[in-house]
């Protein structure tokens, strides 16, 4: 079964919102608590997947310092937990994912106003959710290394803090990528013998921000506990196309059966980035949460004519799938109807010309001319034969259609096509063939 205390990380993000924030500083002090050994009973299928960061990142006895606003000096003012411990205490990933080195600078700050994250590591848990581990004294992972909640990623220290005199782990969870919004880490799991506990609920508090400082101690814990987990989902089938309303993203997935456990997908996360030619790189990603296992979405905030790269991940109660294969395409808008330039009878045929149609930064790929003819003796309201069509390249601005029956009246209309689709046909233009 899935974690009953799993973080609710699928809260919808504001469309198009990307929050970039400065690296936090912090000074830890604490509330004593239990040492939490690595839980061993984790499904083997999770080793190659992503899970929510729901486990305590430290295993040795320590204390809780500043969180959101529990410090009288207002140290954080945003969601984070300072775990205070001893130099060299092991730090573990709070869940499965891919680990990266944020910085390997172990320098100390020369003053309180120049503090930084020091040496730090972050773990990508999929779907734009990231856990961060600051002020390490050593780093035990390599860039791009797959990790689980049993992976030691570094050791506690004081790098980046004033004179490196404090030893603590500054722990954060963010949505919307590595520089995204800091969010409530929620309850974090640990073991007491075979008993599966979540903290700080096991101490009687519903939130880390309610835990008093310099309080609450417990003995060391045993090493095996934890519920069985459904495997995280497989990579979804995803595609993107440029449509008149913008970029349309589609994804398809279904519940999968692995090791007798059903991994029911409940939602999806769409990530899209716009290419900025002036700086030759992609802008920060936008994350759009959708409460559908399969479906389609028109992406908001699209700039017509810009190139985008798009990926989709889906999630169940355990965590997110890996990202789908990247789709790169240009955002286009439907062209307008071409305007008539001229239509005239020329040598048993008709020459039909048009003005260039606005393409909204997406090149016109073709023009389609449709035409119908009727005898001149037939009333103007009817008698036209079945319409025929001729296609011209997107670089053409006239088309000669011949032969046509001399003495008949013919009417012509045109539409333009680009990557987003086709415009409507223009009004009919009528001419007598002579």
Protein backbone atom coordinates (compact mmCIF):
# COMPACT_ATOMS: atom_id res chain seq x y z
CA UNK A 1 0.00 0.00 0.00
CA UNK A 2 1.08 3.60 -0.44
CA UNK A 3 2.29 5.80 2.41
CA UNK A 4 -0.63 6.99 4.49
CA UNK A 5 1.46 10.02 5.42
CA UNK A 6 2.84 10.77 1.99
CA UNK A 7 3.33 14.47 1.27
CA UNK A 8 0.49 15.95 -0.70
CA UNK A 9 2.82 17.31 -3.34
CA UNK A 10 0.29 17.49 -6.12
CA UNK A 11 -1.19 20.80 -5.03
CA UNK A 12 -1.82 22.79 -8.21
CA UNK A 13 0.75 25.46 -8.92
CA UNK A 14 -0.32 28.84 -10.16
CA UNK A 15 -0.25 28.68 -13.93
CA UNK A 16 2.99 30.09 -15.23
CA UNK A 17 4.35 30.86 -11.77
CA UNK A 18 8.06 30.36 -11.25
CA UNK A 19 9.44 31.69 -7.98
CA UNK A 20 13.19 32.33 -7.84
CA UNK A 21 14.51 32.93 -4.35
CA UNK A 22 17.85 33.63 -2.70
CA UNK A 23 19.65 30.87 -0.89
CA UNK A 24 18.59 30.83 2.74
CA UNK A 25 20.71 31.49 5.78
CA UNK A 26 20.05 30.09 9.20
CA UNK A 27 21.35 29.62 12.68
CA UNK A 28 20.34 26.42 14.36
CA UNK A 29 19.44 25.64 17.90
CA UNK A 30 17.26 22.85 18.94
CA UNK A 31 14.90 20.48 20.53
CA UNK A 32 16.34 17.06 21.42
CA UNK A 33 14.86 14.09 19.69
CA UNK A 34 15.47 10.46 18.75
CA UNK A 35 18.20 9.04 16.57
CA UNK A 36 16.58 7.52 13.52
CA UNK A 37 18.41 4.64 11.80
CA UNK A 38 17.97 3.88 8.14
CA UNK A 39 14.74 1.93 7.51
CA UNK A 40 15.67 -1.25 5.61
CA UNK A 41 12.32 -2.53 4.35
CA UNK A 42 11.94 -0.54 1.14
CA UNK A 43 10.55 -2.12 -2.02
CA UNK A 44 13.32 -3.06 -4.47
CA UNK A 45 11.31 -1.55 -7.29
CA UNK A 46 11.81 1.89 -5.80
CA UNK A 47 15.56 1.86 -6.27
CA UNK A 48 15.24 2.99 -9.88
CA UNK A 49 12.28 5.33 -9.37
CA UNK A 50 11.14 8.48 -7.59
CA UNK A 51 9.39 8.73 -4.24
CA UNK A 52 8.19 11.66 -2.18
CA UNK A 53 10.73 12.94 0.42
CA UNK A 54 8.90 11.57 3.48
CA UNK A 55 11.76 10.15 5.60
CA UNK A 56 13.88 11.90 8.21
CA UNK A 57 17.22 12.89 6.66
CA UNK A 58 19.27 12.24 9.84
CA UNK A 59 19.75 9.06 11.90
CA UNK A 60 21.78 10.21 14.91
CA UNK A 61 20.47 11.90 18.04
CA UNK A 62 19.98 15.57 17.43
CA UNK A 63 17.62 18.46 17.96
CA UNK A 64 15.29 20.70 16.01
CA UNK A 65 16.20 24.34 15.52
CA UNK A 66 14.46 26.98 13.43
CA UNK A 67 11.62 26.00 11.13
CA UNK A 68 9.12 28.40 9.58
CA UNK A 69 8.63 30.95 12.37
CA UNK A 70 9.34 29.18 15.67
CA UNK A 71 12.54 31.16 16.28
CA UNK A 72 12.11 34.41 18.18
CA UNK A 73 14.62 36.14 15.91
CA UNK A 74 12.53 35.24 12.83
CA UNK A 75 15.50 33.43 11.33
CA UNK A 76 13.78 31.74 8.39
CA UNK A 77 10.41 33.21 7.55
CA UNK A 78 10.00 30.42 5.01
CA UNK A 79 9.59 26.66 5.27
CA UNK A 80 12.78 24.85 6.25
CA UNK A 81 13.95 22.69 9.17
CA UNK A 82 17.30 23.06 10.90
CA UNK A 83 18.42 19.72 12.37
CA UNK A 84 21.20 20.31 14.93
CA UNK A 85 23.75 17.57 15.51
CA UNK A 86 27.43 16.71 15.82
CA UNK A 87 30.15 17.27 13.21
CA UNK A 88 30.21 14.35 10.77
CA UNK A 89 26.71 13.02 11.56
CA UNK A 90 25.42 11.24 8.47
CA UNK A 91 22.81 12.87 6.25
CA UNK A 92 20.52 10.70 4.12
CA UNK A 93 18.19 11.39 1.24
CA UNK A 94 14.59 11.82 2.41
CA UNK A 95 13.31 9.77 -0.55
CA UNK A 96 14.24 8.17 -3.85
CA UNK A 97 15.34 10.26 -6.81
CA UNK A 98 18.46 11.61 -8.50
CA UNK A 99 21.06 13.51 -6.46
CA UNK A 100 23.12 16.47 -7.60
CA UNK A 101 25.79 18.68 -6.04
CA UNK A 102 24.57 22.25 -5.58
CA UNK A 103 27.95 23.52 -4.34
CA UNK A 104 31.12 21.98 -2.96
CA UNK A 105 32.34 25.13 -1.23
CA UNK A 106 33.25 24.41 2.41
CA UNK A 107 34.28 27.98 3.22
CA UNK A 108 33.03 29.76 6.34
CA UNK A 109 31.25 33.10 6.27
CA UNK A 110 33.26 36.05 7.61
CA UNK A 111 30.17 37.73 9.05
CA UNK A 112 26.53 36.92 9.75
CA UNK A 113 25.44 39.01 6.76
CA UNK A 114 27.48 36.90 4.33
CA UNK A 115 26.22 33.45 5.21
CA UNK A 116 25.37 31.02 2.42
CA UNK A 117 24.25 27.43 1.90
CA UNK A 118 27.88 26.28 2.00
CA UNK A 119 28.41 22.81 0.57
CA UNK A 120 25.03 21.41 -0.36
CA UNK A 121 23.23 18.66 -2.24
CA UNK A 122 19.77 18.42 -3.75
CA UNK A 123 17.67 15.44 -4.77
CA UNK A 124 15.23 15.58 -7.67
CA UNK A 125 12.21 13.47 -6.67
CA UNK A 126 10.41 13.98 -9.99
CA UNK A 127 7.57 16.23 -11.02
CA UNK A 128 9.55 19.37 -10.11
CA UNK A 129 9.83 18.43 -6.41
CA UNK A 130 13.27 18.78 -4.86
CA UNK A 131 14.75 18.27 -1.38
CA UNK A 132 17.82 20.32 -0.42
CA UNK A 133 20.53 19.66 2.19
CA UNK A 134 22.74 22.63 3.20
CA UNK A 135 25.87 23.28 5.32
CA UNK A 136 27.50 19.86 4.77
CA UNK A 137 31.03 19.05 5.92
CA UNK A 138 31.44 16.45 3.17
CA UNK A 139 29.52 15.20 0.13
CA UNK A 140 29.15 11.48 -0.50
CA UNK A 141 27.34 11.40 -3.87
CA UNK A 142 28.22 12.11 -7.49
CA UNK A 143 26.23 14.31 -9.84
CA UNK A 144 23.33 12.40 -11.33
CA UNK A 145 23.56 9.50 -8.88
CA UNK A 146 20.31 7.58 -8.21
CA UNK A 147 19.54 7.54 -4.47
CA UNK A 148 16.98 6.10 -2.07
CA UNK A 149 16.16 6.94 1.53
CA UNK A 150 18.95 4.53 2.48
CA UNK A 151 21.61 6.51 0.60
CA UNK A 152 24.07 8.53 2.63
CA UNK A 153 24.52 11.77 0.71
CA UNK A 154 26.90 13.62 3.03
CA UNK A 155 27.84 14.63 6.55
CA UNK A 156 26.55 17.41 8.78
CA UNK A 157 28.74 20.46 9.23
CA UNK A 158 28.67 24.23 9.31
CA UNK A 159 29.97 25.28 5.90
CA UNK A 160 28.65 28.61 4.74
CA UNK A 161 27.71 29.70 8.28
CA UNK A 162 29.45 32.38 10.33
CA UNK A 163 32.93 31.03 11.22
CA UNK A 164 31.51 27.49 10.78
CA UNK A 165 30.92 27.30 14.53
CA UNK A 166 27.39 25.83 14.26
CA UNK A 167 26.81 22.23 13.18
CA UNK A 168 23.42 21.67 11.61
CA UNK A 169 21.56 20.51 8.53
CA UNK A 170 19.30 23.04 6.84
CA UNK A 171 16.63 20.91 5.12
CA UNK A 172 14.09 22.15 2.56
CA UNK A 173 11.50 20.77 0.16
CA UNK A 174 10.63 22.84 -2.91
CA UNK A 175 8.02 22.64 -5.64
CA UNK A 176 8.70 24.00 -9.10
CA UNK A 177 12.34 22.90 -9.35
CA UNK A 178 15.55 23.65 -7.54
CA UNK A 179 14.77 27.38 -7.21
CA UNK A 180 11.02 26.88 -6.76
CA UNK A 181 8.71 27.61 -3.85
CA UNK A 182 9.64 26.26 -0.41
CA UNK A 183 6.80 24.11 0.93
CA UNK A 184 5.86 22.43 4.19
CA UNK A 185 7.91 19.19 4.41
CA UNK A 186 5.02 17.53 6.27
CA UNK A 187 5.38 14.53 8.56
CA UNK A 188 8.70 12.66 8.25
CA UNK A 189 8.98 8.93 8.87
CA UNK A 190 11.33 6.97 11.15
CA UNK A 191 11.39 3.62 12.97
CA UNK A 192 11.10 2.39 16.55
CA UNK A 193 11.75 -1.32 16.41
CA UNK A 194 9.15 -2.64 13.98
CA UNK A 195 6.95 0.38 14.65
CA UNK A 196 6.56 2.90 11.86
CA UNK A 197 6.40 6.46 13.24
CA UNK A 198 5.95 9.89 11.74
CA UNK A 199 7.39 13.02 13.28
CA UNK A 200 6.55 15.40 14.81
CA UNK A 201 3.13 13.68 15.21
CA UNK A 202 4.80 10.99 17.36
CA UNK A 203 5.69 13.79 19.80
CA UNK A 204 2.19 15.20 19.75
CA UNK A 205 2.64 18.07 17.28
CA UNK A 206 0.94 18.37 13.93
CA UNK A 207 3.57 20.66 12.43
CA UNK A 208 7.34 21.12 12.67
CA UNK A 209 6.67 24.79 13.28
CA UNK A 210 4.95 23.87 16.56
CA UNK A 211 7.91 21.94 18.00
CA UNK A 212 9.44 23.91 20.90
CA UNK A 213 13.17 24.45 21.01
CA UNK A 214 15.38 22.68 23.58
CA UNK A 215 12.85 20.00 24.35
CA UNK A 216 11.87 16.43 23.53
CA UNK A 217 14.39 13.57 23.77
CA UNK A 218 14.06 9.87 22.87
CA UNK A 219 16.22 6.77 22.73
CA UNK A 220 17.88 5.30 19.66
CA UNK A 221 15.68 3.27 17.33
CA UNK A 222 15.77 -0.15 15.65
CA UNK A 223 16.32 -0.56 11.92
CA UNK A 224 13.38 -2.32 10.27
CA UNK A 225 9.92 -0.91 9.70
CA UNK A 226 7.74 0.74 7.12
CA UNK A 227 4.73 -0.12 5.00
CA UNK A 228 5.04 -1.78 1.63
CA UNK A 229 4.98 0.66 -1.25
CA UNK A 230 3.42 0.48 -4.68
CA UNK A 231 6.10 1.14 -7.31
CA UNK A 232 6.16 4.63 -8.80
CA UNK A 233 4.53 4.91 -12.25
CA UNK A 234 6.17 4.19 -15.56
CA UNK A 235 7.04 6.94 -18.02
CA UNK A 236 3.83 8.18 -19.70
CA UNK A 237 3.27 8.39 -23.44
CA UNK A 238 3.23 12.13 -24.12
CA UNK A 239 3.14 14.40 -27.15
CA UNK A 240 2.73 18.08 -27.93
CA UNK A 241 1.41 19.91 -30.96
CA UNK A 242 1.07 23.55 -31.92
CA UNK A 243 -2.57 24.54 -32.29
CA UNK A 244 -4.51 27.71 -32.90
CA UNK A 245 -4.99 28.19 -29.17
CA UNK A 246 -1.30 27.65 -28.32
CA UNK A 247 0.56 24.47 -27.42
CA UNK A 248 -1.53 21.39 -26.83
CA UNK A 249 -0.04 18.66 -24.62
CA UNK A 250 -1.48 15.15 -24.49
CA UNK A 251 -0.49 12.25 -22.26
CA UNK A 252 -1.72 8.73 -21.79
CA UNK A 253 -1.09 6.27 -19.01
CA UNK A 254 -2.91 3.55 -17.14
CA UNK A 255 -2.58 1.68 -13.87
CA UNK A 256 0.24 -0.83 -14.09
CA UNK A 257 0.71 -4.14 -12.36
CA UNK A 258 4.08 -4.85 -10.77
CA UNK A 259 4.87 -7.40 -8.11
CA UNK A 260 1.18 -7.80 -7.40
CA UNK A 261 0.76 -4.17 -6.37
CA UNK A 262 -1.37 -1.73 -8.34
CA UNK A 263 0.26 1.60 -9.09
CA UNK A 264 -2.80 3.73 -9.91
CA UNK A 265 -1.90 7.04 -11.52
CA UNK A 266 -3.91 9.98 -10.17
CA UNK A 267 -2.39 13.13 -11.67
CA UNK A 268 0.24 14.60 -13.96
CA UNK A 269 2.82 17.38 -13.97
CA UNK A 270 3.66 19.25 -17.18
CA UNK A 271 7.00 21.05 -17.42
CA UNK A 272 7.66 23.54 -20.20
CA UNK A 273 10.53 25.93 -20.94
CA UNK A 274 10.83 28.75 -23.48
CA UNK A 275 14.03 29.22 -25.46
CA UNK A 276 15.54 32.73 -25.20
CA UNK A 277 17.65 33.37 -28.34
CA UNK A 278 19.27 36.51 -26.87
CA UNK A 279 21.03 34.48 -24.16
CA UNK A 280 21.00 31.15 -26.05
CA UNK A 281 19.38 29.13 -23.30
CA UNK A 282 16.00 28.08 -21.97
CA UNK A 283 14.19 30.18 -19.39
CA UNK A 284 13.29 28.73 -15.95
CA UNK A 285 10.74 25.94 -16.25
CA UNK A 286 7.04 26.43 -15.62
CA UNK A 287 5.28 23.53 -13.84
CA UNK A 288 1.58 22.89 -14.37
CA UNK A 289 -0.15 20.34 -12.12
CA UNK A 290 -3.17 18.55 -13.59
CA UNK A 291 -5.45 16.27 -11.56
CA UNK A 292 -5.91 13.78 -14.40
CA UNK A 293 -4.14 10.48 -15.09
CA UNK A 294 -4.58 10.95 -18.85
CA UNK A 295 -5.76 13.93 -20.81
CA UNK A 296 -4.88 17.05 -22.79
CA UNK A 297 -4.10 20.64 -21.84
CA UNK A 298 -3.53 23.91 -23.69
CA UNK A 299 -0.52 25.50 -22.00
CA UNK A 300 -1.07 29.00 -20.58
CA UNK A 301 1.26 31.96 -20.99
CA UNK A 302 2.68 30.89 -24.36
CA UNK A 303 4.59 33.38 -26.52
CA UNK A 304 3.79 32.87 -30.18
CA UNK A 305 6.82 32.29 -32.38
CA UNK A 306 8.99 31.02 -29.50
CA UNK A 307 10.44 27.53 -29.25
CA UNK A 308 9.47 25.39 -26.27
CA UNK A 309 10.56 22.08 -24.83
CA UNK A 310 7.94 20.08 -22.98
CA UNK A 311 7.89 17.01 -20.72
CA UNK A 312 5.23 15.20 -18.69
CA UNK A 313 5.47 13.08 -15.52
CA UNK A 314 2.63 11.22 -13.80
CA UNK A 315 2.25 10.25 -10.15
CA UNK A 316 0.61 7.80 -7.80
CA UNK A 317 0.58 7.67 -3.99
CA UNK A 318 4.30 6.81 -3.91
CA UNK A 319 5.76 9.46 -6.18
CA UNK A 320 6.35 10.63 -9.73
CA UNK A 321 7.39 8.75 -12.83
CA UNK A 322 10.51 9.82 -14.72
CA UNK A 323 9.92 12.62 -17.23
CA UNK A 324 8.67 11.69 -20.67
CA UNK A 325 10.82 12.17 -23.74
CA UNK A 326 11.31 15.88 -24.50
CA UNK A 327 9.20 17.42 -27.25
CA UNK A 328 10.59 20.59 -28.85
CA UNK A 329 8.36 22.74 -31.06
CA UNK A 330 7.48 26.29 -31.99
CA UNK A 331 4.35 27.92 -30.60
CA UNK A 332 2.20 29.06 -33.50
CA UNK A 333 -1.11 30.85 -33.98
CA UNK A 334 -3.51 30.19 -36.84
CA UNK A 335 -2.79 32.45 -39.80
CA UNK A 336 -5.43 34.93 -40.91
CA UNK A 337 -7.39 34.45 -44.13
CA UNK A 338 -5.38 35.67 -47.15
CA UNK A 339 -6.83 38.76 -48.87
CA UNK A 340 -7.60 38.83 -52.59
CA UNK A 341 -5.10 40.72 -54.69
CA UNK A 342 -6.56 39.98 -58.13
CA UNK A 343 -8.46 37.36 -60.12
CA UNK A 344 -8.57 37.53 -63.92
CA UNK A 345 -9.18 35.36 -66.93
CA UNK A 346 -5.99 34.56 -68.86
CA UNK A 347 -5.86 32.25 -71.91
CA UNK A 348 -8.56 29.64 -71.16
CA UNK A 349 -7.73 29.78 -67.50
CA UNK A 350 -7.60 32.06 -64.47
CA UNK A 351 -4.73 33.80 -62.71
CA UNK A 352 -5.48 34.17 -58.99
CA UNK A 353 -3.31 36.30 -56.69
CA UNK A 354 -3.37 37.10 -52.99
CA UNK A 355 -1.63 39.25 -50.42
CA UNK A 356 0.70 37.74 -47.86
CA UNK A 357 -1.17 36.50 -44.74
CA UNK A 358 0.17 37.33 -41.24
CA UNK A 359 1.82 34.13 -40.01
CA UNK A 360 2.30 35.06 -36.32
CA UNK A 361 5.97 34.06 -36.40
CA UNK A 362 5.20 30.63 -37.80
CA UNK A 363 6.05 30.25 -41.46
CA UNK A 364 3.19 29.63 -43.87
CA UNK A 365 3.77 26.15 -45.26
CA UNK A 366 1.16 26.18 -48.04
CA UNK A 367 -1.83 27.91 -49.57
CA UNK A 368 -4.88 25.96 -50.70
CA UNK A 369 -7.11 27.39 -53.44
CA UNK A 370 -10.53 25.88 -54.00
CA UNK A 371 -12.68 26.66 -57.01
CA UNK A 372 -16.03 25.79 -58.63
CA UNK A 373 -17.45 26.55 -62.09
CA UNK A 374 -20.95 26.73 -63.60
CA UNK A 375 -22.51 27.62 -66.88
CA UNK A 376 -23.25 31.32 -67.30
CA UNK A 377 -26.89 30.56 -68.12
CA UNK A 378 -27.46 29.02 -64.66
CA UNK A 379 -28.79 31.33 -61.93
CA UNK A 380 -26.16 32.95 -59.74
CA UNK A 381 -27.44 31.21 -56.62
CA UNK A 382 -26.63 27.67 -57.71
CA UNK A 383 -25.41 25.30 -60.36
CA UNK A 384 -21.79 25.18 -59.26
CA UNK A 385 -20.04 21.88 -59.71
CA UNK A 386 -18.16 20.02 -56.96
CA UNK A 387 -15.26 22.11 -55.67
CA UNK A 388 -11.72 21.25 -56.67
CA UNK A 389 -8.50 22.27 -54.93
CA UNK A 390 -4.99 23.30 -55.92
CA UNK A 391 -2.07 23.73 -53.53
CA UNK A 392 0.67 26.34 -53.73
CA UNK A 393 3.82 26.60 -51.63
CA UNK A 394 4.00 28.99 -48.72
CA UNK A 395 6.34 31.21 -50.72
CA UNK A 396 3.84 31.67 -53.59
CA UNK A 397 1.45 34.60 -53.95
CA UNK A 398 -0.35 33.65 -57.14
CA UNK A 399 -1.57 30.54 -58.94
CA UNK A 400 -2.65 29.96 -62.55
CA UNK A 401 -5.42 27.43 -62.94
CA UNK A 402 -5.96 26.08 -66.46
CA UNK A 403 -7.60 24.83 -68.55
CA UNK A 404 -11.06 25.94 -67.49
CA UNK A 405 -14.27 25.83 -69.60
CA UNK A 406 -14.49 28.99 -71.69
CA UNK A 407 -17.72 30.87 -71.21
CA UNK A 408 -18.34 29.61 -67.67
CA UNK A 409 -18.31 31.54 -64.42
CA UNK A 410 -15.88 30.27 -61.77
CA UNK A 411 -15.40 31.28 -58.15
CA UNK A 412 -12.24 31.01 -56.06
CA UNK A 413 -11.34 31.06 -52.34
CA UNK A 414 -8.07 30.53 -50.50
CA UNK A 415 -6.76 29.54 -47.05
CA UNK A 416 -3.28 29.56 -45.47
CA UNK A 417 -1.66 26.83 -43.36
CA UNK A 418 1.16 27.01 -40.80
CA UNK A 419 2.31 24.80 -37.90
CA UNK A 420 -0.79 25.67 -35.88
CA UNK A 421 -3.23 24.64 -38.61
CA UNK A 422 -5.24 26.31 -41.37
CA UNK A 423 -7.13 29.56 -41.53
CA UNK A 424 -10.67 29.63 -42.81
CA UNK A 425 -11.28 30.10 -46.52
CA UNK A 426 -11.56 33.65 -47.81
CA UNK A 427 -14.69 35.01 -49.47
CA UNK A 428 -15.46 33.79 -52.95
CA UNK A 429 -14.01 35.81 -55.85
CA UNK A 430 -15.97 35.32 -59.13
CA UNK A 431 -14.68 35.68 -62.70
CA UNK A 432 -15.91 34.71 -66.18
CA UNK A 433 -13.54 32.55 -68.20
CA UNK A 434 -12.93 33.96 -71.67
